[in-house]
C-alpha cells in the first residue's frame, strides 16, 4: 500500500521524528514505524488525524490505496462466488444421484440423509445467490465477466436484462427435466 510511503514523506517534509508524529496522532512510535514499513495500515481515525497533522487531503494521503482496496475487495468477492458456487454444484449433484440409493438401501429412513444433503445444497444456493445480488449479477454472462475481473458494458448489460425473465424459466425447466431423467434411470438400474 502507498500510505506508508506517504506518511514517511510528509513526516520527513515536516522534519519531525516518528516519536513526535506518534504523539500528535496518539499512537506509539512503533505503530508509526509499522505504518511506514507497510506492516500495518492505520485505522480511519488515525488516517483522519494524519491528514490533519500533515495538512493534506485524504485523497493525497491515501493516494493509490483506494483503487488497490477496491481490487482486493472485488477479488475476495470473486473467490467467494466461486467457492460457494463450487460447493453448491457438488451438493446439487449429490442430491440428484443419492436419492435412489438412499431409498433403495435405507427405505424410508433414506430420506433423512438425503434431506441433509439437499439442505446443504439449498444453503449454498442461497449463499451464491446472495453474492450475486450484492454484486448486481443476474445472468451467466455477467457472472463470467465478474469472475474474469471485468464488467459488461452498458449495451451488453441491457441485452442481458432483456433476456432474464425467459432464462429463469428455461433454467428451472431444464434442471427439472435433467433431474427427472437421472432419477428415473437410477430407479430403473436399482430395480433390476
Protein backbone atom coordinates (compact mmCIF):
# COMPACT_ATOMS: atom_id res chain seq x y z
CA UNK A 1 0.00 0.00 0.00
CA UNK A 2 1.10 3.55 -0.69
CA UNK A 3 0.09 5.15 2.60
CA UNK A 4 3.29 4.06 4.37
CA UNK A 5 5.42 5.93 1.84
CA UNK A 6 3.08 8.91 2.05
CA UNK A 7 3.32 9.07 5.86
CA UNK A 8 7.10 8.85 5.72
CA UNK A 9 7.28 11.54 3.01
CA UNK A 10 5.03 14.00 4.82
CA UNK A 11 6.71 13.31 8.18
CA UNK A 12 10.14 13.94 6.65
CA UNK A 13 8.90 17.11 4.92
CA UNK A 14 7.69 18.42 8.30
CA UNK A 15 11.05 17.50 9.83
CA UNK A 16 9.57 15.53 12.72
CA UNK A 17 10.56 12.16 14.12
CA UNK A 18 8.37 9.07 14.30
CA UNK A 19 8.03 9.66 18.03
CA UNK A 20 6.83 13.26 17.53
CA UNK A 21 4.30 12.13 14.93
CA UNK A 22 3.15 9.35 17.24
CA UNK A 23 2.41 11.90 19.97
CA UNK A 24 0.37 14.04 17.55
CA UNK A 25 -1.83 11.12 16.45
CA UNK A 26 -1.98 9.37 19.86
CA UNK A 27 -0.19 6.15 18.95
CA UNK A 28 3.17 4.59 19.79
CA UNK A 29 6.37 5.22 17.83
CA UNK A 30 6.35 1.53 16.87
CA UNK A 31 2.90 1.95 15.33
CA UNK A 32 4.16 4.81 13.15
CA UNK A 33 7.15 2.68 12.17
CA UNK A 34 4.82 -0.20 11.24
CA UNK A 35 2.72 2.14 9.09
CA UNK A 36 5.78 3.46 7.29
CA UNK A 37 7.17 -0.01 6.61
CA UNK A 38 3.78 -1.33 5.48
CA UNK A 39 3.41 -3.86 8.29
CA UNK A 40 0.14 -2.30 9.43
CA UNK A 41 -2.44 0.04 7.95
CA UNK A 42 -3.73 2.94 10.05
CA UNK A 43 -7.37 2.85 11.12
CA UNK A 44 -9.76 5.52 9.84
CA UNK A 45 -9.38 7.66 12.97
CA UNK A 46 -5.59 7.69 12.56
CA UNK A 47 -5.86 8.46 8.84
CA UNK A 48 -8.03 11.48 9.64
CA UNK A 49 -5.57 12.67 12.30
CA UNK A 50 -2.63 12.17 9.92
CA UNK A 51 -4.42 14.15 7.24
CA UNK A 52 -4.96 16.97 9.71
CA UNK A 53 -1.38 16.90 11.08
CA UNK A 54 0.14 16.90 7.58
CA UNK A 55 -2.42 19.46 6.38
CA UNK A 56 -3.24 17.41 3.27
CA UNK A 57 -6.48 15.97 1.92
CA UNK A 58 -7.40 12.34 2.46
CA UNK A 59 -7.02 11.81 -1.30
CA UNK A 60 -3.42 12.97 -1.18
CA UNK A 61 -2.62 10.87 1.87
CA UNK A 62 -4.10 7.59 0.66
CA UNK A 63 -3.14 8.13 -2.98
CA UNK A 64 -3.38 4.83 -4.84
CA UNK A 65 -4.69 2.85 -1.88
CA UNK A 66 -8.37 3.22 -2.69
CA UNK A 67 -8.01 1.52 -6.08
CA UNK A 68 -5.91 -1.26 -4.55
CA UNK A 69 -8.57 -1.78 -1.87
CA UNK A 70 -11.36 -1.89 -4.46
CA UNK A 71 -9.40 -4.51 -6.43
CA UNK A 72 -8.79 -6.62 -3.31
CA UNK A 73 -12.47 -6.44 -2.35
CA UNK A 74 -13.50 -7.48 -5.87
CA UNK A 75 -11.02 -10.39 -5.85
CA UNK A 76 -12.39 -11.52 -2.49
CA UNK A 77 -15.94 -11.42 -3.88
CA UNK A 78 -14.89 -13.44 -6.94
CA UNK A 79 -13.26 -16.08 -4.72
CA UNK A 80 -16.36 -16.21 -2.51
CA UNK A 81 -18.67 -16.59 -5.51
CA UNK A 82 -16.51 -19.38 -6.97
CA UNK A 83 -16.26 -21.15 -3.61
CA UNK A 84 -19.99 -21.08 -2.88
CA UNK A 85 -20.83 -21.96 -6.49
CA UNK A 86 -18.49 -24.96 -6.42
CA UNK A 87 -19.87 -26.27 -3.14
CA UNK A 88 -23.43 -25.75 -4.39
CA UNK A 89 -22.68 -27.67 -7.61
CA UNK A 90 -21.20 -30.62 -5.73
CA UNK A 91 -24.14 -30.89 -3.33
CA UNK A 92 -26.67 -30.43 -6.14
CA UNK A 93 -25.12 -33.36 -7.98
CA UNK A 94 -25.07 -35.40 -4.75
CA UNK A 95 -28.73 -34.53 -4.18
CA UNK A 96 -29.71 -35.83 -7.59
CA UNK A 97 -27.66 -39.02 -7.63
CA UNK A 98 -28.10 -40.01 -3.98
CA UNK A 99 -31.90 -40.12 -3.79
CA UNK A 100 -32.43 -43.56 -5.28
CA UNK A 101 -29.50 -45.25 -3.47
CA UNK A 102 -30.59 -43.83 -0.11
CA UNK A 103 -34.15 -45.05 -0.65
CA UNK A 104 -33.01 -48.42 -2.06
CA UNK A 105 -30.67 -49.22 0.83
CA UNK A 106 -32.38 -47.46 3.72
CA UNK A 107 -36.00 -47.42 2.56
CA UNK A 108 -37.96 -44.58 4.23
CA UNK A 109 -35.03 -43.73 6.51
CA UNK A 110 -33.02 -42.82 3.42
CA UNK A 111 -34.93 -39.56 3.27
CA UNK A 112 -33.10 -38.35 6.39
CA UNK A 113 -29.55 -38.27 4.97
CA UNK A 114 -30.87 -37.24 1.55
CA UNK A 115 -32.70 -34.29 3.18
CA UNK A 116 -29.44 -33.26 4.86
CA UNK A 117 -27.59 -33.29 1.53
CA UNK A 118 -30.46 -31.35 -0.06
CA UNK A 119 -30.45 -28.80 2.79
CA UNK A 120 -26.72 -28.14 2.31
CA UNK A 121 -27.28 -27.67 -1.44
CA UNK A 122 -30.08 -25.19 -0.79
CA UNK A 123 -27.99 -23.34 1.81
CA UNK A 124 -25.12 -22.82 -0.63
CA UNK A 125 -27.54 -21.91 -3.40
CA UNK A 126 -28.77 -19.07 -1.21
CA UNK A 127 -25.19 -18.06 -0.31
CA UNK A 128 -24.25 -17.99 -4.02
CA UNK A 129 -27.36 -16.00 -4.85
CA UNK A 130 -26.59 -13.51 -2.09
CA UNK A 131 -23.12 -12.83 -3.55
CA UNK A 132 -24.69 -12.44 -6.99
CA UNK A 133 -27.24 -9.94 -5.69
CA UNK A 134 -24.65 -7.98 -3.71
CA UNK A 135 -22.65 -7.54 -6.91
CA UNK A 136 -25.71 -6.96 -9.14
CA UNK A 137 -25.17 -10.13 -11.19
CA UNK A 138 -28.16 -11.81 -12.76
CA UNK A 139 -27.10 -13.64 -15.89
CA UNK A 140 -24.48 -16.21 -16.67
CA UNK A 141 -22.72 -13.72 -18.93
CA UNK A 142 -22.50 -11.18 -16.10
CA UNK A 143 -21.19 -13.82 -13.70
CA UNK A 144 -18.50 -14.93 -16.17
CA UNK A 145 -17.47 -11.30 -16.75
CA UNK A 146 -17.34 -10.73 -12.99
CA UNK A 147 -15.18 -13.79 -12.33
CA UNK A 148 -12.80 -12.56 -15.04
CA UNK A 149 -12.50 -9.27 -13.16
CA UNK A 150 -14.44 -7.13 -15.62
CA UNK A 151 -17.93 -5.69 -16.03
CA UNK A 152 -20.27 -5.85 -19.01
CA UNK A 153 -20.54 -2.63 -20.93
CA UNK A 154 -23.92 -0.87 -20.87
CA UNK A 155 -25.16 -2.29 -24.19
CA UNK A 156 -24.39 -5.89 -23.26
CA UNK A 157 -25.93 -5.34 -19.84
CA UNK A 158 -29.21 -4.07 -21.34
CA UNK A 159 -29.33 -7.07 -23.70
CA UNK A 160 -28.87 -9.42 -20.75
CA UNK A 161 -31.58 -7.65 -18.74
CA UNK A 162 -34.00 -8.23 -21.64
CA UNK A 163 -33.31 -11.98 -21.56
CA UNK A 164 -33.74 -12.53 -17.81
CA UNK A 165 -37.44 -13.45 -17.47
CA UNK A 166 -37.12 -16.25 -20.01
CA UNK A 167 -33.78 -17.53 -18.73
CA UNK A 168 -35.08 -18.23 -15.24
CA UNK A 169 -37.99 -20.32 -16.54
CA UNK A 170 -35.75 -22.17 -19.01
CA UNK A 171 -33.14 -22.97 -16.35
CA UNK A 172 -35.83 -24.25 -13.99
CA UNK A 173 -37.49 -26.46 -16.61
CA UNK A 174 -34.14 -27.74 -17.91
CA UNK A 175 -32.89 -28.57 -14.41
CA UNK A 176 -36.13 -30.35 -13.54
CA UNK A 177 -36.02 -32.40 -16.75
CA UNK A 178 -32.41 -33.45 -16.21
CA UNK A 179 -33.05 -34.33 -12.56
CA UNK A 180 -36.14 -36.37 -13.52
CA UNK A 181 -34.22 -38.28 -16.18
CA UNK A 182 -31.33 -39.10 -13.85
CA UNK A 183 -33.62 -40.24 -11.01
CA UNK A 184 -35.74 -42.29 -13.43
CA UNK A 185 -32.67 -44.01 -14.90
CA UNK A 186 -31.22 -44.71 -11.48
CA UNK A 187 -34.54 -46.14 -10.29
CA UNK A 188 -34.56 -48.48 -13.31
CA UNK A 189 -30.98 -49.57 -12.61
CA UNK A 190 -31.60 -50.32 -8.94
CA UNK A 191 -34.89 -52.11 -9.55
CA UNK A 192 -33.17 -54.74 -11.75
